[in-house]
PDB file of N, CA and C in Angstrom:
ATOM      1  N   MET A   1       0.848  -1.174   0.000  1.00  0.00           N
ATOM      2  CA  MET A   1       0.000   0.000   0.000  1.00  0.00           C
ATOM      3  C   MET A   1       0.893   1.236   0.000  1.00  0.00           C
ATOM      4  N   LEU A   2       0.658   2.084  -0.978  1.00  0.00           N
ATOM      5  CA  LEU A   2       1.365   3.349  -1.075  1.00  0.00           C
ATOM      6  C   LEU A   2       0.566   4.407  -0.329  1.00  0.00           C
ATOM      7  N   ILE A   3       1.230   5.190   0.504  1.00  0.00           N
ATOM      8  CA  ILE A   3       0.568   6.271   1.232  1.00  0.00           C
ATOM      9  C   ILE A   3       1.210   7.582   0.805  1.00  0.00           C
ATOM     10  N   GLN A   4       0.390   8.475   0.279  1.00  0.00           N
ATOM     11  CA  GLN A   4       0.854   9.772  -0.198  1.00  0.00           C
ATOM     12  C   GLN A   4       0.227  10.851   0.675  1.00  0.00           C
ATOM     13  N   ILE A   5       1.076  11.718   1.259  1.00  0.00           N
ATOM     14  CA  ILE A   5       0.588  12.738   2.189  1.00  0.00           C
ATOM     15  C   ILE A   5       0.739  14.114   1.558  1.00  0.00           C
ATOM     16  N   ASN A   6      -0.364  14.869   1.559  1.00  0.00           N
ATOM     17  CA  ASN A   6      -0.395  16.229   1.031  1.00  0.00           C
ATOM     18  C   ASN A   6      -0.894  17.166   2.124  1.00  0.00           C
ATOM     19  N   THR A   7      -0.323  18.356   2.202  1.00  0.00           N
ATOM     20  CA  THR A   7      -0.774  19.351   3.172  1.00  0.00           C
ATOM     21  C   THR A   7      -1.062  20.659   2.457  1.00  0.00           C
ATOM     22  N   ASP A   8      -1.953  21.456   3.039  1.00  0.00           N
ATOM     23  CA  ASP A   8      -2.166  22.781   2.469  1.00  0.00           C
ATOM     24  C   ASP A   8      -1.062  23.715   2.963  1.00  0.00           C
ATOM     25  N   SER A   9      -1.101  24.941   2.541  1.00  0.00           N
ATOM     26  CA  SER A   9      -0.027  25.884   2.874  1.00  0.00           C
ATOM     27  C   SER A   9      -0.010  26.281   4.343  1.00  0.00           C
ATOM     28  N   ASN A  10      -1.036  25.917   5.086  1.00  0.00           N
ATOM     29  CA  ASN A  10      -1.123  26.290   6.504  1.00  0.00           C
ATOM     30  C   ASN A  10      -0.660  25.181   7.444  1.00  0.00           C
ATOM     31  N   ILE A  11      -0.353  24.023   6.903  1.00  0.00           N
ATOM     32  CA  ILE A  11       0.110  22.885   7.695  1.00  0.00           C
ATOM     33  C   ILE A  11       1.560  22.617   7.325  1.00  0.00           C
ATOM     34  N   GLU A  12       2.405  22.528   8.330  1.00  0.00           N
ATOM     35  CA  GLU A  12       3.802  22.214   8.083  1.00  0.00           C
ATOM     36  C   GLU A  12       3.951  20.702   7.973  1.00  0.00           C
ATOM     37  N   GLY A  13       4.173  20.233   6.762  1.00  0.00           N
ATOM     38  CA  GLY A  13       4.253  18.803   6.507  1.00  0.00           C
ATOM     39  C   GLY A  13       5.656  18.266   6.706  1.00  0.00           C
ATOM     40  N   ASP A  14       6.072  18.131   7.956  1.00  0.00           N
ATOM     41  CA  ASP A  14       7.428  17.651   8.237  1.00  0.00           C
ATOM     42  C   ASP A  14       7.478  16.123   8.259  1.00  0.00           C
ATOM     43  N   GLU A  15       8.671  15.597   8.387  1.00  0.00           N
ATOM     44  CA  GLU A  15       8.911  14.148   8.375  1.00  0.00           C
ATOM     45  C   GLU A  15       8.208  13.436   9.539  1.00  0.00           C
ATOM     46  N   ALA A  16       8.185  14.079  10.697  1.00  0.00           N
ATOM     47  CA  ALA A  16       7.552  13.466  11.871  1.00  0.00           C
ATOM     48  C   ALA A  16       6.052  13.280  11.640  1.00  0.00           C
ATOM     49  N   LEU A  17       5.407  14.282  11.064  1.00  0.00           N
ATOM     50  CA  LEU A  17       3.980  14.192  10.773  1.00  0.00           C
ATOM     51  C   LEU A  17       3.720  13.083   9.761  1.00  0.00           C
ATOM     52  N   ALA A  18       4.540  13.007   8.733  1.00  0.00           N
ATOM     53  CA  ALA A  18       4.373  11.979   7.710  1.00  0.00           C
ATOM     54  C   ALA A  18       4.533  10.582   8.297  1.00  0.00           C
ATOM     55  N   LYS A  19       5.541  10.392   9.131  1.00  0.00           N
ATOM     56  CA  LYS A  19       5.765   9.080   9.747  1.00  0.00           C
ATOM     57  C   LYS A  19       4.613   8.700  10.670  1.00  0.00           C
ATOM     58  N   GLN A  20       4.129   9.667  11.455  1.00  0.00           N
ATOM     59  CA  GLN A  20       3.029   9.408  12.379  1.00  0.00           C
ATOM     60  C   GLN A  20       1.762   9.020  11.604  1.00  0.00           C
ATOM     61  N   ALA A  21       1.439   9.770  10.569  1.00  0.00           N
ATOM     62  CA  ALA A  21       0.239   9.487   9.781  1.00  0.00           C
ATOM     63  C   ALA A  21       0.362   8.128   9.080  1.00  0.00           C
ATOM     64  N   GLU A  22       1.525   7.849   8.515  1.00  0.00           N
ATOM     65  CA  GLU A  22       1.713   6.593   7.814  1.00  0.00           C
ATOM     66  C   GLU A  22       1.619   5.394   8.756  1.00  0.00           C
ATOM     67  N   ALA A  23       2.220   5.499   9.929  1.00  0.00           N
ATOM     68  CA  ALA A  23       2.165   4.403  10.901  1.00  0.00           C
ATOM     69  C   ALA A  23       0.729   4.143  11.347  1.00  0.00           C
ATOM     70  N   LEU A  24      -0.004   5.202  11.602  1.00  0.00           N
ATOM     71  CA  LEU A  24      -1.393   5.056  12.044  1.00  0.00           C
ATOM     72  C   LEU A  24      -2.245   4.414  10.954  1.00  0.00           C
ATOM     73  N   LEU A  25      -2.072   4.859   9.716  1.00  0.00           N
ATOM     74  CA  LEU A  25      -2.867   4.307   8.622  1.00  0.00           C
ATOM     75  C   LEU A  25      -2.506   2.853   8.336  1.00  0.00           C
ATOM     76  N   ARG A  26      -1.235   2.538   8.379  1.00  0.00           N
ATOM     77  CA  ARG A  26      -0.829   1.144   8.140  1.00  0.00           C
ATOM     78  C   ARG A  26      -1.407   0.220   9.212  1.00  0.00           C
ATOM     79  N   ALA A  27      -1.368   0.659  10.465  1.00  0.00           N
ATOM     80  CA  ALA A  27      -1.898  -0.157  11.562  1.00  0.00           C
ATOM     81  C   ALA A  27      -3.405  -0.352  11.420  1.00  0.00           C
ATOM     82  N   THR A  28      -4.108   0.695  11.015  1.00  0.00           N
ATOM     83  CA  THR A  28      -5.564   0.627  10.908  1.00  0.00           C
ATOM     84  C   THR A  28      -6.024  -0.165   9.689  1.00  0.00           C
ATOM     85  N   LEU A  29      -5.287  -0.053   8.584  1.00  0.00           N
ATOM     86  CA  LEU A  29      -5.761  -0.602   7.310  1.00  0.00           C
ATOM     87  C   LEU A  29      -5.007  -1.836   6.828  1.00  0.00           C
ATOM     88  N   GLU A  30      -4.073  -2.351   7.627  1.00  0.00           N
ATOM     89  CA  GLU A  30      -3.224  -3.455   7.177  1.00  0.00           C
ATOM     90  C   GLU A  30      -4.002  -4.712   6.813  1.00  0.00           C
ATOM     91  N   HIS A  31      -5.151  -4.943   7.435  1.00  0.00           N
ATOM     92  CA  HIS A  31      -5.890  -6.178   7.155  1.00  0.00           C
ATOM     93  C   HIS A  31      -6.558  -6.197   5.778  1.00  0.00           C
ATOM     94  N   PHE A  32      -6.504  -5.069   5.053  1.00  0.00           N
ATOM     95  CA  PHE A  32      -7.042  -5.056   3.691  1.00  0.00           C
ATOM     96  C   PHE A  32      -6.013  -5.557   2.682  1.00  0.00           C
ATOM     97  N   GLY A  33      -4.765  -5.691   3.120  1.00  0.00           N
ATOM     98  CA  GLY A  33      -3.707  -6.293   2.318  1.00  0.00           C
ATOM     99  C   GLY A  33      -3.528  -5.686   0.949  1.00  0.00           C
ATOM    100  N   GLU A  34      -3.372  -6.563  -0.031  1.00  0.00           N
ATOM    101  CA  GLU A  34      -3.082  -6.151  -1.399  1.00  0.00           C
ATOM    102  C   GLU A  34      -4.275  -5.516  -2.112  1.00  0.00           C
ATOM    103  N   ARG A  35      -5.462  -5.669  -1.557  1.00  0.00           N
ATOM    104  CA  ARG A  35      -6.651  -5.058  -2.196  1.00  0.00           C
ATOM    105  C   ARG A  35      -6.575  -3.546  -2.169  1.00  0.00           C
ATOM    106  N   LEU A  36      -5.909  -3.000  -1.157  1.00  0.00           N
ATOM    107  CA  LEU A  36      -5.768  -1.548  -1.009  1.00  0.00           C
ATOM    108  C   LEU A  36      -4.433  -1.148  -1.626  1.00  0.00           C
ATOM    109  N   THR A  37      -4.486  -0.458  -2.771  1.00  0.00           N
ATOM    110  CA  THR A  37      -3.258  -0.139  -3.491  1.00  0.00           C
ATOM    111  C   THR A  37      -2.654   1.196  -3.083  1.00  0.00           C
ATOM    112  N   ARG A  38      -3.503   2.190  -2.791  1.00  0.00           N
ATOM    113  CA  ARG A  38      -2.981   3.515  -2.462  1.00  0.00           C
ATOM    114  C   ARG A  38      -3.952   4.272  -1.565  1.00  0.00           C
ATOM    115  N   VAL A  39      -3.389   5.061  -0.650  1.00  0.00           N
ATOM    116  CA  VAL A  39      -4.184   5.951   0.188  1.00  0.00           C
ATOM    117  C   VAL A  39      -3.572   7.345   0.070  1.00  0.00           C
ATOM    118  N   GLU A  40      -4.392   8.307  -0.319  1.00  0.00           N
ATOM    119  CA  GLU A  40      -3.954   9.693  -0.382  1.00  0.00           C
ATOM    120  C   GLU A  40      -4.492  10.416   0.835  1.00  0.00           C
ATOM    121  N   VAL A  41      -3.611  11.148   1.520  1.00  0.00           N
ATOM    122  CA  VAL A  41      -3.955  11.880   2.729  1.00  0.00           C
ATOM    123  C   VAL A  41      -3.854  13.369   2.416  1.00  0.00           C
ATOM    124  N   HIS A  42      -4.925  14.093   2.681  1.00  0.00           N
ATOM    125  CA  HIS A  42      -4.932  15.544   2.469  1.00  0.00           C
ATOM    126  C   HIS A  42      -5.230  16.208   3.819  1.00  0.00           C
ATOM    127  N   LEU A  43      -4.236  16.912   4.348  1.00  0.00           N
ATOM    128  CA  LEU A  43      -4.377  17.590   5.638  1.00  0.00           C
ATOM    129  C   LEU A  43      -4.525  19.078   5.411  1.00  0.00           C
ATOM    130  N   SER A  44      -5.469  19.693   6.127  1.00  0.00           N
ATOM    131  CA  SER A  44      -5.680  21.126   5.959  1.00  0.00           C
ATOM    132  C   SER A  44      -6.155  21.767   7.248  1.00  0.00           C
ATOM    133  N   ASP A  45      -5.992  23.081   7.293  1.00  0.00           N
ATOM    134  CA  ASP A  45      -6.460  23.903   8.406  1.00  0.00           C
ATOM    135  C   ASP A  45      -7.620  24.731   7.871  1.00  0.00           C
ATOM    136  N   GLN A  46      -8.839  24.402   8.303  1.00  0.00           N
ATOM    137  CA  GLN A  46     -10.036  25.018   7.755  1.00  0.00           C
ATOM    138  C   GLN A  46     -10.240  26.467   8.167  1.00  0.00           C
ATOM    139  N   SER A  47      -9.636  26.875   9.281  1.00  0.00           N
ATOM    140  CA  SER A  47      -9.825  28.254   9.737  1.00  0.00           C
ATOM    141  C   SER A  47      -8.484  28.966   9.841  1.00  0.00           C
ATOM    142  N   SER A  48      -7.667  28.826   8.831  1.00  0.00           N
ATOM    143  CA  SER A  48      -6.325  29.396   8.866  1.00  0.00           C
ATOM    144  C   SER A  48      -6.348  30.923   8.901  1.00  0.00           C
ATOM    145  N   ASP A  49      -7.413  31.531   8.385  1.00  0.00           N
ATOM    146  CA  ASP A  49      -7.494  32.983   8.388  1.00  0.00           C
ATOM    147  C   ASP A  49      -7.902  33.531   9.752  1.00  0.00           C
ATOM    148  N   LYS A  50      -8.393  32.672  10.629  1.00  0.00           N
ATOM    149  CA  LYS A  50      -8.774  33.083  11.985  1.00  0.00           C
ATOM    150  C   LYS A  50      -7.676  32.670  12.942  1.00  0.00           C
ATOM    151  N   LYS A  51      -7.752  33.180  14.134  1.00  0.00           N
ATOM    152  CA  LYS A  51      -6.712  32.865  15.124  1.00  0.00           C
ATOM    153  C   LYS A  51      -6.714  31.372  15.465  1.00  0.00           C
ATOM    154  N   SER A  52      -7.818  30.873  15.904  1.00  0.00           N
ATOM    155  CA  SER A  52      -7.959  29.447  16.175  1.00  0.00           C
ATOM    156  C   SER A  52      -9.434  29.118  16.304  1.00  0.00           C
ATOM    157  N   GLY A  53      -9.725  27.853  16.222  1.00  0.00           N
ATOM    158  CA  GLY A  53     -11.103  27.421  16.353  1.00  0.00           C
ATOM    159  C   GLY A  53     -11.141  25.963  16.732  1.00  0.00           C
ATOM    160  N   THR A  54     -12.310  25.521  17.141  1.00  0.00           N
ATOM    161  CA  THR A  54     -12.442  24.114  17.479  1.00  0.00           C
ATOM    162  C   THR A  54     -12.737  23.337  16.213  1.00  0.00           C
ATOM    163  N   ASP A  55     -12.220  22.153  16.167  1.00  0.00           N
ATOM    164  CA  ASP A  55     -12.447  21.258  15.028  1.00  0.00           C
ATOM    165  C   ASP A  55     -12.111  21.912  13.689  1.00  0.00           C
ATOM    166  N   ASP A  56     -10.975  22.587  13.636  1.00  0.00           N
ATOM    167  CA  ASP A  56     -10.597  23.264  12.398  1.00  0.00           C
ATOM    168  C   ASP A  56      -9.526  22.534  11.597  1.00  0.00           C
ATOM    169  N   ARG A  57      -9.048  21.405  12.101  1.00  0.00           N
ATOM    170  CA  ARG A  57      -8.079  20.594  11.357  1.00  0.00           C
ATOM    171  C   ARG A  57      -8.857  19.508  10.624  1.00  0.00           C
ATOM    172  N   ARG A  58      -8.548  19.326   9.351  1.00  0.00           N
ATOM    173  CA  ARG A  58      -9.309  18.371   8.534  1.00  0.00           C
ATOM    174  C   ARG A  58      -8.367  17.370   7.889  1.00  0.00           C
ATOM    175  N   CYS A  59      -8.798  16.123   7.887  1.00  0.00           N
ATOM    176  CA  CYS A  59      -8.081  15.051   7.199  1.00  0.00           C
ATOM    177  C   CYS A  59      -9.043  14.413   6.204  1.00  0.00           C
ATOM    178  N   LEU A  60      -8.671  14.460   4.945  1.00  0.00           N
ATOM    179  CA  LEU A  60      -9.430  13.808   3.885  1.00  0.00           C
ATOM    180  C   LEU A  60      -8.602  12.624   3.410  1.00  0.00           C
ATOM    181  N   LEU A  61      -9.197  11.447   3.418  1.00  0.00           N
ATOM    182  CA  LEU A  61      -8.515  10.238   2.957  1.00  0.00           C
ATOM    183  C   LEU A  61      -9.219   9.723   1.710  1.00  0.00           C
ATOM    184  N   GLU A  62      -8.429   9.381   0.705  1.00  0.00           N
ATOM    185  CA  GLU A  62      -8.964   8.770  -0.504  1.00  0.00           C
ATOM    186  C   GLU A  62      -8.250   7.438  -0.700  1.00  0.00           C
ATOM    187  N   ALA A  63      -9.009   6.375  -0.637  1.00  0.00           N
ATOM    188  CA  ALA A  63      -8.449   5.025  -0.753  1.00  0.00           C
ATOM    189  C   ALA A  63      -8.773   4.453  -2.115  1.00  0.00           C
ATOM    190  N   ARG A  64      -7.803   3.765  -2.679  1.00  0.00           N
ATOM    191  CA  ARG A  64      -7.982   3.136  -3.980  1.00  0.00           C
ATOM    192  C   ARG A  64      -7.851   1.627  -3.821  1.00  0.00           C
ATOM    193  N   LEU A  65      -8.956   0.962  -4.075  1.00  0.00           N
ATOM    194  CA  LEU A  65      -8.993  -0.495  -4.051  1.00  0.00           C
ATOM    195  C   LEU A  65      -8.795  -1.020  -5.464  1.00  0.00           C
ATOM    196  N   ALA A  66      -8.057  -2.089  -5.595  1.00  0.00           N
ATOM    197  CA  ALA A  66      -7.784  -2.672  -6.904  1.00  0.00           C
ATOM    198  C   ALA A  66      -9.097  -3.000  -7.617  1.00  0.00           C
ATOM    199  N   GLY A  67      -9.277  -2.415  -8.794  1.00  0.00           N
ATOM    200  CA  GLY A  67     -10.434  -2.712  -9.619  1.00  0.00           C
ATOM    201  C   GLY A  67     -11.723  -2.020  -9.228  1.00  0.00           C
ATOM    202  N   LEU A  68     -11.687  -1.125  -8.242  1.00  0.00           N
ATOM    203  CA  LEU A  68     -12.905  -0.442  -7.793  1.00  0.00           C
ATOM    204  C   LEU A  68     -12.720   1.067  -7.811  1.00  0.00           C
ATOM    205  N   GLN A  69     -13.819   1.777  -7.706  1.00  0.00           N
ATOM    206  CA  GLN A  69     -13.771   3.232  -7.633  1.00  0.00           C
ATOM    207  C   GLN A  69     -13.149   3.669  -6.303  1.00  0.00           C
ATOM    208  N   PRO A  70     -12.489   4.841  -6.280  1.00  0.00           N
ATOM    209  CA  PRO A  70     -11.913   5.335  -5.025  1.00  0.00           C
ATOM    210  C   PRO A  70     -12.996   5.613  -3.981  1.00  0.00           C
ATOM    211  N   ILE A  71     -12.613   5.505  -2.726  1.00  0.00           N
ATOM    212  CA  ILE A  71     -13.505   5.796  -1.606  1.00  0.00           C
ATOM    213  C   ILE A  71     -12.885   6.948  -0.829  1.00  0.00           C
ATOM    214  N   ALA A  72     -13.668   7.987  -0.557  1.00  0.00           N
ATOM    215  CA  ALA A  72     -13.159   9.151   0.162  1.00  0.00           C
ATOM    216  C   ALA A  72     -13.962   9.386   1.436  1.00  0.00           C
ATOM    217  N   VAL A  73     -13.255   9.727   2.498  1.00  0.00           N
ATOM    218  CA  VAL A  73     -13.877  10.095   3.772  1.00  0.00           C
ATOM    219  C   VAL A  73     -13.099  11.283   4.338  1.00  0.00           C
ATOM    220  N   SER A  74     -13.730  12.027   5.229  1.00  0.00           N
ATOM    221  CA  SER A  74     -13.016  13.117   5.889  1.00  0.00           C
ATOM    222  C   SER A  74     -13.468  13.221   7.334  1.00  0.00           C
ATOM    223  N   HIS A  75     -12.627  13.860   8.119  1.00  0.00           N
ATOM    224  CA  HIS A  75     -12.936  14.067   9.533  1.00  0.00           C
ATOM    225  C   HIS A  75     -12.295  15.375   9.971  1.00  0.00           C
ATOM    226  N   GLN A  76     -13.021  16.146  10.750  1.00  0.00           N
ATOM    227  CA  GLN A  76     -12.500  17.390  11.317  1.00  0.00           C
ATOM    228  C   GLN A  76     -12.379  17.240  12.818  1.00  0.00           C
ATOM    229  N   ALA A  77     -11.285  17.797  13.364  1.00  0.00           N
ATOM    230  CA  ALA A  77     -11.041  17.698  14.804  1.00  0.00           C
ATOM    231  C   ALA A  77     -10.171  18.877  15.238  1.00  0.00           C
ATOM    232  N   ALA A  78      -9.917  18.933  16.526  1.00  0.00           N
ATOM    233  CA  ALA A  78      -9.124  20.026  17.084  1.00  0.00           C
ATOM    234  C   ALA A  78      -7.641  19.901  16.750  1.00  0.00           C
ATOM    235  N   THR A  79      -7.148  18.663  16.577  1.00  0.00           N
ATOM    236  CA  THR A  79      -5.738  18.454  16.255  1.00  0.00           C
ATOM    237  C   THR A  79      -5.622  17.594  14.998  1.00  0.00           C
ATOM    238  N   LEU A  80      -4.463  17.652  14.368  1.00  0.00           N
ATOM    239  CA  LEU A  80      -4.241  16.819  13.183  1.00  0.00           C
ATOM    240  C   LEU A  80      -4.298  15.340  13.532  1.00  0.00           C
ATOM    241  N   GLU A  81      -3.721  14.966  14.663  1.00  0.00           N
ATOM    242  CA  GLU A  81      -3.733  13.559  15.060  1.00  0.00           C
ATOM    243  C   GLU A  81      -5.161  13.042  15.222  1.00  0.00           C
ATOM    244  N   GLN A  82      -6.005  13.823  15.881  1.00  0.00           N
ATOM    245  CA  GLN A  82      -7.400  13.419  16.057  1.00  0.00           C
ATOM    246  C   GLN A  82      -8.119  13.334  14.713  1.00  0.00           C
ATOM    247  N   ALA A  83      -7.819  14.259  13.816  1.00  0.00           N
ATOM    248  CA  ALA A  83      -8.443  14.257  12.491  1.00  0.00           C
ATOM    249  C   ALA A  83      -8.022  13.021  11.705  1.00  0.00           C
ATOM    250  N   ILE A  84      -6.747  12.661  11.786  1.00  0.00           N
ATOM    251  CA  ILE A  84      -6.244  11.481  11.069  1.00  0.00           C
ATOM    252  C   ILE A  84      -6.867  10.210  11.644  1.00  0.00           C
ATOM    253  N   VAL A  85      -6.908  10.102  12.963  1.00  0.00           N
ATOM    254  CA  VAL A  85      -7.502   8.926  13.615  1.00  0.00           C
ATOM    255  C   VAL A  85      -8.979   8.792  13.227  1.00  0.00           C
ATOM    256  N   GLY A  86      -9.712   9.890  13.304  1.00  0.00           N
ATOM    257  CA  GLY A  86     -11.139   9.861  12.965  1.00  0.00           C
ATOM    258  C   GLY A  86     -11.381   9.466  11.518  1.00  0.00           C
ATOM    259  N   ALA A  87     -10.584  10.032  10.608  1.00  0.00           N
ATOM    260  CA  ALA A  87     -10.738   9.703   9.193  1.00  0.00           C
ATOM    261  C   ALA A  87     -10.344   8.252   8.924  1.00  0.00           C
ATOM    262  N   ALA A  88      -9.297   7.772   9.582  1.00  0.00           N
ATOM    263  CA  ALA A  88      -8.861   6.377   9.401  1.00  0.00           C
ATOM    264  C   ALA A  88      -9.953   5.416   9.852  1.00  0.00           C
ATOM    265  N   GLU A  89     -10.605   5.713  10.969  1.00  0.00           N
ATOM    266  CA  GLU A  89     -11.690   4.853  11.448  1.00  0.00           C
ATOM    267  C   GLU A  89     -12.865   4.856  10.474  1.00  0.00           C
ATOM    268  N   LYS A  90     -13.213   6.031   9.948  1.00  0.00           N
ATOM    269  CA  LYS A  90     -14.296   6.106   8.963  1.00  0.00           C
ATOM    270  C   LYS A  90     -13.946   5.332   7.704  1.00  0.00           C
ATOM    271  N   LEU A  91     -12.690   5.451   7.269  1.00  0.00           N
ATOM    272  CA  LEU A  91     -12.261   4.742   6.067  1.00  0.00           C
ATOM    273  C   LEU A  91     -12.310   3.232   6.282  1.00  0.00           C
ATOM    274  N   GLU A  92     -11.880   2.780   7.438  1.00  0.00           N
ATOM    275  CA  GLU A  92     -11.915   1.352   7.745  1.00  0.00           C
ATOM    276  C   GLU A  92     -13.354   0.824   7.662  1.00  0.00           C
ATOM    277  N   HIS A  93     -14.298   1.566   8.244  1.00  0.00           N
ATOM    278  CA  HIS A  93     -15.701   1.135   8.205  1.00  0.00           C
ATOM    279  C   HIS A  93     -16.229   1.132   6.774  1.00  0.00           C
ATOM    280  N   SER A  94     -15.868   2.148   5.994  1.00  0.00           N
ATOM    281  CA  SER A  94     -16.327   2.214   4.600  1.00  0.00           C
ATOM    282  C   SER A  94     -15.770   1.064   3.776  1.00  0.00           C
ATOM    283  N   LEU A  95     -14.483   0.775   3.947  1.00  0.00           N
ATOM    284  CA  LEU A  95     -13.869  -0.329   3.204  1.00  0.00           C
ATOM    285  C   LEU A  95     -14.469  -1.666   3.612  1.00  0.00           C
ATOM    286  N   ASP A  96     -14.704  -1.859   4.917  1.00  0.00           N
ATOM    287  CA  ASP A  96     -15.356  -3.087   5.386  1.00  0.00           C
ATOM    288  C   ASP A  96     -16.725  -3.248   4.733  1.00  0.00           C
ATOM    289  N   SER A  97     -17.460  -2.147   4.647  1.00  0.00           N
ATOM    290  CA  SER A  97     -18.796  -2.177   4.069  1.00  0.00           C
ATOM    291  C   SER A  97     -18.755  -2.518   2.585  1.00  0.00           C
ATOM    292  N   VAL A  98     -17.883  -1.849   1.846  1.00  0.00           N
ATOM    293  CA  VAL A  98     -17.792  -2.090   0.401  1.00  0.00           C
ATOM    294  C   VAL A  98     -17.344  -3.518   0.121  1.00  0.00           C
ATOM    295  N   LEU A  99     -16.309  -3.959   0.794  1.00  0.00           N
ATOM    296  CA  LEU A  99     -15.792  -5.310   0.557  1.00  0.00           C
ATOM    297  C   LEU A  99     -16.779  -6.368   1.061  1.00  0.00           C
ATOM    298  N   GLY A 100     -17.502  -6.059   2.123  1.00  0.00           N
ATOM    299  CA  GLY A 100     -18.507  -6.982   2.616  1.00  0.00           C
ATOM    300  C   GLY A 100     -19.639  -7.176   1.622  1.00  0.00           C
ATOM    301  N   ARG A 101     -20.069  -6.069   0.994  1.00  0.00           N
ATOM    302  CA  ARG A 101     -21.119  -6.171  -0.025  1.00  0.00           C
ATOM    303  C   ARG A 101     -20.641  -6.976  -1.225  1.00  0.00           C
ATOM    304  N   LEU A 102     -19.375  -6.773  -1.612  1.00  0.00           N
ATOM    305  CA  LEU A 102     -18.832  -7.530  -2.744  1.00  0.00           C
ATOM    306  C   LEU A 102     -18.741  -9.022  -2.411  1.00  0.00           C
ATOM    307  N   GLY A 103     -18.434  -9.327  -1.158  1.00  0.00           N
ATOM    308  CA  GLY A 103     -18.340 -10.723  -0.746  1.00  0.00           C
ATOM    309  C   GLY A 103     -19.670 -11.419  -0.694  1.00  0.00           C
ATOM    310  N   ASN A 104     -20.752 -10.654  -0.523  1.00  0.00           N
ATOM    311  CA  ASN A 104     -22.098 -11.244  -0.454  1.00  0.00           C
ATOM    312  C   ASN A 104     -22.705 -11.516  -1.813  1.00  0.00           C
ATOM    313  N   ARG A 105     -22.049 -11.078  -2.874  1.00  0.00           N
ATOM    314  CA  ARG A 105     -22.596 -11.292  -4.223  1.00  0.00           C
ATOM    315  C   ARG A 105     -22.353 -12.681  -4.703  1.00  0.00           C
TER     316      ARG A 105
END
């Protein structure tokens, strides 16, 4: 599984953030194995023009399953870590649902 991390101009996309996000996603999504070919991570600060706000960090995840349309989920939270965790959990549930429906056919 390839993990590609993108940040907007308001998020400092350093190596530590990339490693943390990648480790969390691999741990959460590893049971999908080879079916999951790529995950794109888009991190942004929704209220960058304001001083600060609650739930202003956003993580959008787009997962690509072999032979299927991409699946996208997003989560907003107070911190990037919380946003990544929330989005990863939503993505896991979505992938379970899609693959479960395919298995029932």
